[in-house]
Protein backbone atom coordinates (compact mmCIF):
# COMPACT_ATOMS: atom_id res chain seq x y z
CA UNK A 1 -20.54 16.36 -3.15
CA UNK A 2 -17.31 14.46 -3.37
CA UNK A 3 -14.22 16.19 -1.86
CA UNK A 4 -11.47 16.31 -4.43
CA UNK A 5 -8.94 18.24 -2.43
CA UNK A 6 -5.41 16.81 -2.77
CA UNK A 7 -4.09 15.53 0.72
CA UNK A 8 -1.17 17.90 0.27
CA UNK A 9 -0.95 21.74 -0.43
CA UNK A 10 0.41 21.43 -3.96
CA UNK A 11 0.89 24.57 -5.82
CA UNK A 12 1.36 23.19 -9.51
CA UNK A 13 0.53 20.23 -11.79
CA UNK A 14 4.10 19.42 -11.86
CA UNK A 15 4.27 19.17 -8.05
CA UNK A 16 1.52 16.83 -8.09
CA UNK A 17 3.13 14.74 -10.81
CA UNK A 18 6.39 14.79 -8.76
CA UNK A 19 4.43 13.40 -5.88
CA UNK A 20 2.57 10.93 -8.00
CA UNK A 21 5.79 9.59 -9.58
CA UNK A 22 7.53 9.36 -5.91
CA UNK A 23 4.40 7.13 -5.04
CA UNK A 24 4.92 4.68 -7.79
CA UNK A 25 6.90 1.66 -7.01
CA UNK A 26 10.49 1.29 -7.08
CA UNK A 27 10.59 -0.99 -10.06
CA UNK A 28 8.46 0.90 -12.43
CA UNK A 29 10.38 3.94 -12.22
CA UNK A 30 13.70 2.04 -13.08
CA UNK A 31 12.41 -0.46 -15.35
CA UNK A 32 14.01 0.83 -18.62
CA UNK A 33 17.53 1.35 -16.92
CA UNK A 34 19.77 -1.68 -16.67
CA UNK A 35 22.12 0.31 -14.43
CA UNK A 36 19.38 1.10 -11.94
CA UNK A 37 17.87 -2.38 -11.94
CA UNK A 38 21.54 -3.89 -11.27
CA UNK A 39 22.18 -1.28 -8.37
CA UNK A 40 18.70 -2.06 -6.88
CA UNK A 41 19.45 -5.89 -7.11
CA UNK A 42 21.88 -5.25 -4.16
CA UNK A 43 19.05 -4.16 -1.88
CA UNK A 44 17.81 -5.88 0.91
CA UNK A 45 14.17 -6.55 1.83
CA UNK A 46 13.86 -3.10 3.12
CA UNK A 47 15.30 -1.40 0.12
CA UNK A 48 18.68 -0.69 1.65
CA UNK A 49 22.09 -1.27 0.24
CA UNK A 50 25.28 -2.18 2.24
CA UNK A 51 27.94 0.34 3.25
CA UNK A 52 30.36 -0.99 0.58
CA UNK A 53 27.51 -0.75 -2.26
CA UNK A 54 26.99 2.78 -1.00
CA UNK A 55 30.45 3.86 -1.22
CA UNK A 56 30.90 2.19 -4.54
CA UNK A 57 28.17 3.96 -6.34
CA UNK A 58 29.19 7.48 -5.06
CA UNK A 59 32.82 6.57 -6.23
CA UNK A 60 31.59 5.56 -9.74
CA UNK A 61 29.64 8.68 -10.20
CA UNK A 62 32.42 10.92 -8.53
CA UNK A 63 29.99 12.34 -6.20
CA UNK A 64 30.41 13.50 -2.68
CA UNK A 65 28.86 10.95 -0.09
CA UNK A 66 29.05 13.75 2.54
CA UNK A 67 26.92 15.94 0.45
CA UNK A 68 24.35 13.22 0.00
CA UNK A 69 24.20 12.56 3.67
CA UNK A 70 23.84 16.45 4.64
CA UNK A 71 20.92 16.58 2.22
CA UNK A 72 18.78 13.87 3.81
CA UNK A 73 15.85 14.53 6.02
CA UNK A 74 15.75 13.25 9.68
CA UNK A 75 13.58 10.19 8.76
CA UNK A 76 15.46 9.22 5.59
CA UNK A 77 18.14 6.48 5.43
CA UNK A 78 21.52 7.18 3.72
CA UNK A 79 21.37 3.38 2.73
CA UNK A 80 18.00 3.54 0.83
CA UNK A 81 18.52 2.53 -2.79
CA UNK A 82 15.71 4.44 -4.44
CA UNK A 83 16.67 7.60 -2.42
CA UNK A 84 20.29 7.19 -3.60
CA UNK A 85 19.60 6.74 -7.19
CA UNK A 86 17.21 9.70 -7.16
CA UNK A 87 19.87 12.01 -5.45
CA UNK A 88 22.36 11.16 -8.21
CA UNK A 89 19.63 12.21 -10.69
CA UNK A 90 18.06 8.79 -12.07
C-alpha cells in the first residue's frame, strides 16, 4: 500500500496549502505584482538584496526593520528578498 502521509504534521488543509505555496518558485508567487518583480530584480544569485535595498523597502513601507530582524529564525537571512516580501505582506 502506498504511504500518502505528509512529511510534516499538518493539522489543516490551510496549513498544507501554505506549505505548498512556500514550496513554489519565487517568480511564480510574484508574477502578477510588478512592484515585487521590480524588488526581486535587485536580488543576487542567492536571492539576497543589498543592505541599501533592504533599508529602502522598509522605509517605503514605513515598517520597522528591527521588528523584521527580531522575527527571523536562526537559519533565515535578513537579506532574503522573498522572505522580506512575505513579511511585508506580499
